[in-house]
Structure formats: C-alpha cells, structure tokens
Protein backbone atom coordinates (compact mmCIF):
# COMPACT_ATOMS: atom_id res chain seq x y z
CA UNK A 1 -36.23 -19.44 71.62
CA UNK A 2 -36.01 -22.84 73.40
CA UNK A 3 -32.68 -24.57 73.83
CA UNK A 4 -32.25 -28.34 73.79
CA UNK A 5 -30.10 -30.19 76.34
CA UNK A 6 -27.30 -30.32 73.72
CA UNK A 7 -27.27 -26.52 73.49
CA UNK A 8 -29.05 -26.20 70.11
CA UNK A 9 -31.65 -23.48 69.64
CA UNK A 10 -34.85 -24.63 67.92
CA UNK A 11 -38.10 -22.96 66.94
CA UNK A 12 -40.05 -26.10 67.83
CA UNK A 13 -40.58 -26.59 71.54
CA UNK A 14 -41.09 -30.34 71.52
CA UNK A 15 -38.14 -31.80 69.61
CA UNK A 16 -34.88 -30.10 68.63
CA UNK A 17 -34.71 -29.36 64.92
CA UNK A 18 -30.89 -29.72 64.95
CA UNK A 19 -30.19 -32.89 66.94
CA UNK A 20 -33.71 -34.28 67.31
CA UNK A 21 -33.47 -34.43 71.15
CA UNK A 22 -36.55 -33.83 73.31
CA UNK A 23 -36.73 -30.27 74.50
CA UNK A 24 -36.66 -29.62 78.26
CA UNK A 25 -39.65 -28.17 80.08
CA UNK A 26 -42.22 -30.11 78.05
CA UNK A 27 -44.88 -31.33 80.41
CA UNK A 28 -46.12 -34.86 80.21
CA UNK A 29 -49.76 -35.50 79.58
CA UNK A 30 -51.98 -35.05 82.56
CA UNK A 31 -52.54 -38.12 84.65
CA UNK A 32 -49.51 -39.90 83.26
CA UNK A 33 -46.37 -40.54 85.17
CA UNK A 34 -43.32 -40.63 82.98
CA UNK A 35 -41.36 -43.84 83.31
CA UNK A 36 -37.89 -43.60 84.71
CA UNK A 37 -35.13 -43.64 82.13
CA UNK A 38 -33.64 -47.09 81.57
CA UNK A 39 -30.35 -47.75 83.20
CA UNK A 40 -27.47 -48.01 80.75
CA UNK A 41 -26.29 -51.58 80.27
CA UNK A 42 -23.17 -52.61 81.97
CA UNK A 43 -20.38 -54.44 80.12
CA UNK A 44 -17.65 -56.34 81.79
CA UNK A 45 -14.32 -54.65 81.69
CA UNK A 46 -15.58 -51.21 80.70
CA UNK A 47 -18.34 -48.63 80.54
CA UNK A 48 -21.16 -48.16 78.05
CA UNK A 49 -19.77 -44.91 76.68
CA UNK A 50 -16.52 -46.59 75.78
CA UNK A 51 -18.31 -49.33 73.79
CA UNK A 52 -20.88 -47.17 71.97
CA UNK A 53 -20.26 -46.89 68.21
CA UNK A 54 -21.05 -43.56 66.49
CA UNK A 55 -23.61 -43.59 63.65
CA UNK A 56 -21.99 -43.24 60.21
CA UNK A 57 -23.40 -41.29 57.29
CA UNK A 58 -24.63 -43.85 54.76
CA UNK A 59 -23.43 -41.62 51.92
CA UNK A 60 -19.91 -40.48 52.91
CA UNK A 61 -19.24 -42.65 55.98
CA UNK A 62 -18.62 -39.62 58.19
CA UNK A 63 -19.58 -40.09 61.92
CA UNK A 64 -22.77 -38.30 62.86
CA UNK A 65 -22.19 -35.52 65.37
CA UNK A 66 -24.48 -35.72 68.45
CA UNK A 67 -27.58 -36.90 66.63
CA UNK A 68 -27.38 -33.97 64.18
CA UNK A 69 -30.09 -34.08 61.53
CA UNK A 70 -27.60 -33.29 58.72
CA UNK A 71 -24.15 -34.67 57.92
CA UNK A 72 -21.39 -32.06 58.27
CA UNK A 73 -19.54 -33.35 55.16
CA UNK A 74 -22.20 -34.06 52.55
CA UNK A 75 -25.36 -32.51 54.12
CA UNK A 76 -27.13 -35.86 54.18
CA UNK A 77 -30.52 -35.59 55.94
CA UNK A 78 -30.66 -38.23 58.66
CA UNK A 79 -34.30 -37.43 59.44
CA UNK A 80 -35.64 -38.00 55.90
CA UNK A 81 -32.88 -40.30 54.69
CA UNK A 82 -32.19 -38.23 51.55
CA UNK A 83 -29.10 -36.47 50.21
CA UNK A 84 -28.97 -32.69 49.62
CA UNK A 85 -29.63 -31.83 45.94
CA UNK A 86 -27.31 -28.74 46.15
CA UNK A 87 -24.12 -30.33 47.42
CA UNK A 88 -21.98 -32.83 45.53
CA UNK A 89 -21.16 -35.71 47.86
CA UNK A 90 -17.44 -36.16 48.47
CA UNK A 91 -15.67 -39.30 47.43
CA UNK A 92 -15.28 -41.95 50.17
CA UNK A 93 -11.98 -42.12 51.95
CA UNK A 94 -9.37 -44.09 50.13
CA UNK A 95 -11.19 -43.77 46.77
CA UNK A 96 -9.00 -43.17 43.72
CA UNK A 97 -10.12 -42.55 40.19
CA UNK A 98 -9.19 -45.14 37.65
CA UNK A 99 -5.96 -44.31 35.83
CA UNK A 100 -6.34 -43.30 32.17
CA UNK A 101 -5.85 -46.11 29.67
CA UNK A 102 -2.32 -46.32 28.31
CA UNK A 103 -1.86 -44.81 24.82
CA UNK A 104 -2.11 -47.30 22.01
CA UNK A 105 1.23 -47.65 20.24
CA UNK A 106 1.10 -46.61 16.59
CA UNK A 107 2.25 -49.18 14.04
CA UNK A 108 5.83 -48.65 12.91
CA UNK A 109 6.25 -46.83 9.59
CA UNK A 110 7.45 -49.06 6.83
CA UNK A 111 9.09 -48.13 3.57
CA UNK A 112 8.00 -51.17 1.63
CA UNK A 113 7.67 -50.71 -2.12
CA UNK A 114 4.08 -51.23 -3.19
CA UNK A 115 4.56 -50.72 -6.91
CA UNK A 116 2.94 -48.14 -9.16
CA UNK A 117 -0.47 -48.56 -10.70
CA UNK A 118 -0.78 -48.40 -14.49
CA UNK A 119 -1.83 -45.02 -15.81
CA UNK A 120 -5.39 -44.69 -17.05
CA UNK A 121 -4.57 -41.69 -19.22
CA UNK A 122 -1.35 -42.47 -21.07
CA UNK A 123 -1.37 -45.18 -23.64
CA UNK A 124 0.55 -48.38 -23.12
CA UNK A 125 4.24 -48.36 -23.93
CA UNK A 126 5.25 -49.73 -27.28
CA UNK A 127 7.39 -52.88 -27.17
CA UNK A 128 11.06 -52.49 -27.92
CA UNK A 129 12.49 -54.56 -30.74
CA UNK A 130 16.17 -55.06 -31.51
CA UNK A 131 17.44 -53.50 -34.72
CA UNK A 132 19.50 -55.41 -37.26
CA UNK A 133 22.22 -53.99 -39.45
CA UNK A 134 23.98 -55.28 -42.50
CA UNK A 135 26.67 -56.73 -40.23
CA UNK A 136 24.11 -58.73 -38.25
CA UNK A 137 21.89 -58.16 -35.23
CA UNK A 138 23.03 -55.52 -32.77
CA UNK A 139 24.24 -56.29 -29.28
CA UNK A 140 21.95 -56.77 -26.31
CA UNK A 141 22.36 -53.14 -25.26
CA UNK A 142 21.64 -51.70 -28.70
CA UNK A 143 17.91 -51.07 -28.66
CA UNK A 144 16.21 -48.48 -30.81
CA UNK A 145 12.68 -47.19 -30.71
CA UNK A 146 10.72 -47.61 -33.93
CA UNK A 147 9.79 -44.34 -35.64
CA UNK A 148 6.35 -42.95 -34.72
CA UNK A 149 3.48 -43.93 -36.91
CA UNK A 150 2.24 -41.26 -39.29
CA UNK A 151 -0.81 -39.26 -38.32
CA UNK A 152 -3.73 -39.80 -37.94
CA UNK A 153 -2.94 -43.40 -36.87
CA UNK A 154 -0.62 -42.02 -34.18
CA UNK A 155 -2.20 -39.06 -32.35
CA UNK A 156 1.16 -38.30 -30.71
CA UNK A 157 3.11 -37.93 -33.97
CA UNK A 158 4.39 -34.45 -34.72
CA UNK A 159 3.14 -32.75 -37.83
CA UNK A 160 4.99 -29.69 -39.07
CA UNK A 161 2.72 -26.72 -39.66
CA UNK A 162 1.49 -26.44 -43.21
CA UNK A 163 2.73 -23.42 -45.13
CA UNK A 164 0.15 -20.69 -45.52
CA UNK A 165 -1.87 -21.11 -48.68
CA UNK A 166 -1.88 -18.29 -51.21
CA UNK A 167 -0.29 -16.86 -54.32
CA UNK A 168 2.92 -14.87 -54.71
CA UNK A 169 4.06 -12.64 -57.58
CA UNK A 170 7.83 -12.54 -58.31
CA UNK A 171 8.94 -9.43 -60.26
CA UNK A 172 12.31 -9.30 -62.07
CA UNK A 173 13.88 -8.17 -65.41
CA UNK A 174 13.74 -10.83 -68.13
CA UNK A 175 16.52 -10.88 -70.79
CA UNK A 176 14.66 -13.17 -73.21
CA UNK A 177 11.53 -11.03 -73.05
CA UNK A 178 13.63 -7.86 -73.58
CA UNK A 179 15.18 -9.27 -76.78
CA UNK A 180 11.76 -10.27 -78.08
CA UNK A 181 10.44 -6.77 -77.35
CA UNK A 182 13.37 -5.12 -79.13
CA UNK A 183 12.77 -7.23 -82.23
CA UNK A 184 9.14 -6.14 -82.38
CA UNK A 185 9.78 -2.48 -81.61
CA UNK A 186 10.64 0.35 -84.01
CA UNK A 187 13.58 2.73 -84.06
CA UNK A 188 12.23 4.57 -80.99
CA UNK A 189 13.33 1.61 -78.78
CA UNK A 190 16.94 1.73 -79.92
CA UNK A 191 18.06 3.67 -76.84
CA UNK A 192 16.69 1.11 -74.32
CA UNK A 193 19.15 -1.03 -72.40
CA UNK A 194 18.50 -3.93 -70.03
CA UNK A 195 19.44 -2.97 -66.43
CA UNK A 196 22.75 -4.47 -65.41
CA UNK A 197 21.46 -5.20 -61.92
CA UNK A 198 17.95 -5.25 -60.55
CA UNK A 199 17.05 -7.19 -57.37
CA UNK A 200 14.13 -9.60 -57.48
CA UNK A 201 10.97 -8.45 -55.72
CA UNK A 202 8.06 -10.44 -54.28
CA UNK A 203 4.47 -9.40 -53.65
CA UNK A 204 1.89 -11.61 -51.90
CA UNK A 205 -1.39 -11.58 -53.78
CA UNK A 206 -4.33 -10.69 -51.57
CA UNK A 207 -7.81 -10.04 -52.95
CA UNK A 208 -9.76 -8.79 -54.51
CA UNK A 209 -7.18 -7.32 -56.96
CA UNK A 210 -3.55 -6.22 -57.32
CA UNK A 211 -2.75 -3.34 -59.66
CA UNK A 212 0.34 -3.15 -61.92
CA UNK A 213 1.76 0.12 -63.25
CA UNK A 214 3.84 3.19 -62.43
CA UNK A 215 3.41 5.87 -59.80
CA UNK A 216 1.97 9.23 -60.92
CA UNK A 217 4.16 11.98 -59.52
CA UNK A 218 1.49 14.62 -60.15
CA UNK A 219 -1.18 12.96 -58.00
CA UNK A 220 0.94 10.61 -55.89
CA UNK A 221 -1.24 7.63 -56.94
CA UNK A 222 0.81 4.45 -56.69
CA UNK A 223 -0.15 0.88 -57.84
CA UNK A 224 0.41 -2.25 -55.77
CA UNK A 225 3.26 -3.39 -58.03
CA UNK A 226 5.08 -0.12 -58.74
CA UNK A 227 7.54 -0.45 -61.65
CA UNK A 228 8.66 3.18 -61.44
CA UNK A 229 11.21 2.28 -58.79
CA UNK A 230 14.85 2.15 -59.97
CA UNK A 231 15.55 0.80 -62.45
CA UNK A 232 12.30 2.22 -63.86
CA UNK A 233 10.71 0.32 -66.76
CA UNK A 234 9.75 3.05 -69.27
CA UNK A 235 7.51 0.71 -71.29
CA UNK A 236 4.94 0.29 -68.47
CA UNK A 237 1.82 2.47 -68.42
CA UNK A 238 0.64 4.15 -65.24
CA UNK A 239 -2.41 1.83 -65.17
CA UNK A 240 -1.04 -1.09 -67.12
CA UNK A 241 -2.80 -4.30 -65.86
CA UNK A 242 -4.65 -5.81 -62.92
CA UNK A 243 -4.38 -9.22 -61.25
CA UNK A 244 -7.92 -10.26 -60.21
CA UNK A 245 -8.79 -12.99 -57.67
CA UNK A 246 -11.14 -15.68 -58.99
CA UNK A 247 -14.03 -17.39 -57.15
CA UNK A 248 -12.08 -20.69 -57.01
CA UNK A 249 -9.11 -19.01 -55.28
CA UNK A 250 -7.01 -18.65 -58.41
CA UNK A 251 -5.99 -15.46 -60.21
CA UNK A 252 -6.45 -13.90 -63.62
CA UNK A 253 -4.74 -10.99 -65.42
CA UNK A 254 -6.62 -8.15 -67.13
CA UNK A 255 -4.91 -5.64 -69.44
CA UNK A 256 -6.04 -2.06 -68.82
CA UNK A 257 -5.70 -1.06 -72.49
CA UNK A 258 -2.04 -0.28 -71.93
CA UNK A 259 0.22 1.36 -74.57
CA UNK A 260 2.55 -1.59 -75.14
CA UNK A 261 0.11 -4.39 -74.16
CA UNK A 262 0.48 -7.48 -71.93
CA UNK A 263 1.67 -10.93 -73.05
CA UNK A 264 1.80 -14.32 -71.29
CA UNK A 265 4.46 -17.06 -71.28
CA UNK A 266 6.63 -15.58 -74.08
CA UNK A 267 3.80 -15.15 -76.57
CA UNK A 268 4.17 -12.31 -79.08
CA UNK A 269 0.42 -11.68 -79.26
CA UNK A 270 -0.87 -9.40 -76.46
CA UNK A 271 -4.05 -10.36 -74.63
CA UNK A 272 -7.31 -8.51 -75.27
CA UNK A 273 -7.90 -5.45 -73.09
CA UNK A 274 -10.41 -5.80 -70.23
CA UNK A 275 -10.75 -9.59 -70.77
CA UNK A 276 -9.64 -11.71 -67.76
CA UNK A 277 -7.17 -14.46 -68.64
CA UNK A 278 -6.85 -17.20 -65.94
CA UNK A 279 -3.36 -17.90 -64.67
CA UNK A 280 -1.79 -21.14 -63.47
CA UNK A 281 1.05 -21.88 -61.10
CA UNK A 282 4.28 -20.74 -62.80
CA UNK A 283 2.70 -18.58 -65.53
CA UNK A 284 4.71 -15.52 -66.63
CA UNK A 285 3.09 -12.16 -67.32
CA UNK A 286 5.22 -9.77 -69.45
CA UNK A 287 4.76 -5.99 -69.24
CA UNK A 288 6.81 -2.97 -70.33
CA UNK A 289 10.26 -3.27 -71.90
CA UNK A 290 11.80 -6.03 -69.77
CA UNK A 291 9.60 -6.84 -66.71
CA UNK A 292 8.26 -10.38 -66.15
CA UNK A 293 5.84 -11.15 -63.29
CA UNK A 294 5.78 -14.87 -62.39
CA UNK A 295 2.80 -16.05 -60.30
CA UNK A 296 3.31 -19.00 -57.96
CA UNK A 297 0.92 -20.81 -55.63
CA UNK A 298 2.04 -20.93 -52.02
C-alpha cells in the first residue's frame, strides 16, 4: 500500500486519502517537465515556518493536523466541507450554557377576611324585634325571637305526631248498672255482690269484630273480651255480644241472643238480638251483672 510523504498509508496512489498530499513515485505526464517548487517567501526578522498560521476547523475551531481530511475533535470533513452526521460537535472553547431563570417568588399569603356569601339553601333570617312588658320596653340586650309561625305557613315549625286513630274499649264494674240489674232481677240474684275491687281494663278495637263473653273451660275457646277473669261476672254468657266494625270506621254492637241481654247507656230495654246498633264516642254497653264497656274514639 503506498505511503505519502507524511507517513500516511492510502489506497489511492495519486493523492493521500488522509492528508491529501501528492503521493511519491507518481510520474509526470510524458513530454512535460515538472516546474520546480516555488521558493518559500522570506520575511524580515524570521522564517516562513514561524509565521505560518494553522488552518482552524470552521465548526469547533480546532487546528487542523497536517492537512488531515477530518478534524480530530468533531470529525469535520475538510475535503467536502461537511460535518459528520454521527458525531455531536463539541461546544466551542469558553462557551457556557445560559443559567436557568431565577424562580419566581410566590405572592405572600394573606389572611384578609373576605366575608361569607349568603346561603342559597337556607331561608333568610327573621328580623329581631324588641319585646315589651307591662313595665315598659325591655333593655337593649333583651331581645327575644318571635314564636315560629304555625304550619303550613312555616315549613320549619315542629308538629307533634298525631295520636294513632282508632277506637278503645274500657271495661270496668259499674255500680249504677249493678243496682239497676238487681231491681229488675228475681230472687235468684239475691246472692250477687258487686266486687270490692276490680282493676279497669282496656282493649283496642281492631276489625273486623271483637267478641264479648266468657271462656269455655271444656273447649278452651276464649273471646276477645274475656269476663271470666277474676272477679268473674256470672251474668255474662259464653257468647254474649260482638262489636262489629262499620264501613265508615265506626263500631256497632250486636247481641248474640244472650241469656240476660245487652243494654246501652243505662237503658232498661235490651237491644234486639242479631241487630247491629251503631255506637258513638262515649257510649256505654252493659252486659252481665255489673260490667260496663265504654267505647272511645282514639
């Protein structure tokens, strides 16, 4: 492989591929006499080699080494005048990247009061008015809220729950009814005595009917209002009467063809068997020897 005068090996035998210098041993064209090489210029006070300035790479400003075709720093091609696409050119000497911008100071936090916005859900507050007494208007600090408006004008007013609607039967011995029964009865009722103490009982009336009578010990059948409990009323039949719910929500009493009959509100005439008799709030139904059943609404 040929070697150029600068010691570079090159495949081409005419010009060195490394430094671009003419290769030695290349014959001149026939018939031509090569001109002698020009004499180097002389400079006063020094030699030409001392005043020659090395060629700088136009990309990284690195001096070119002995007419080399490529720059040793950035691989710039001096022959074609193009940079290498595979090497990132270094920054020029003395180059410094711009410092990052200083951080922007955040505004100081303030605790100023901005006020509250009016609520869109709650209603507006009611104005306060001073209250007056018999001794004159109250002091400046004596303020009282007016009472809430009744519903439905005031949707925030409290309404106590309504008592459950319905009817209640109150069962207890009745002295006046007992005396009336004794006056109408024969000698067989002479041994009956009004109980000295008998607690009052209550039974809520729920449809469609409530039976009145005494429990049968032989079958165990027991009515809703059982008057066989102590003190037992001996004048009540086992199936004496029935309280029947009416279509309008009221109640009626029906005698079951009992032995001693059923009367209402102190009357001496018993009602007809199997005929409903409507009842009103506070009506008294008398059965047996001394029992009175008072029906009440609510």
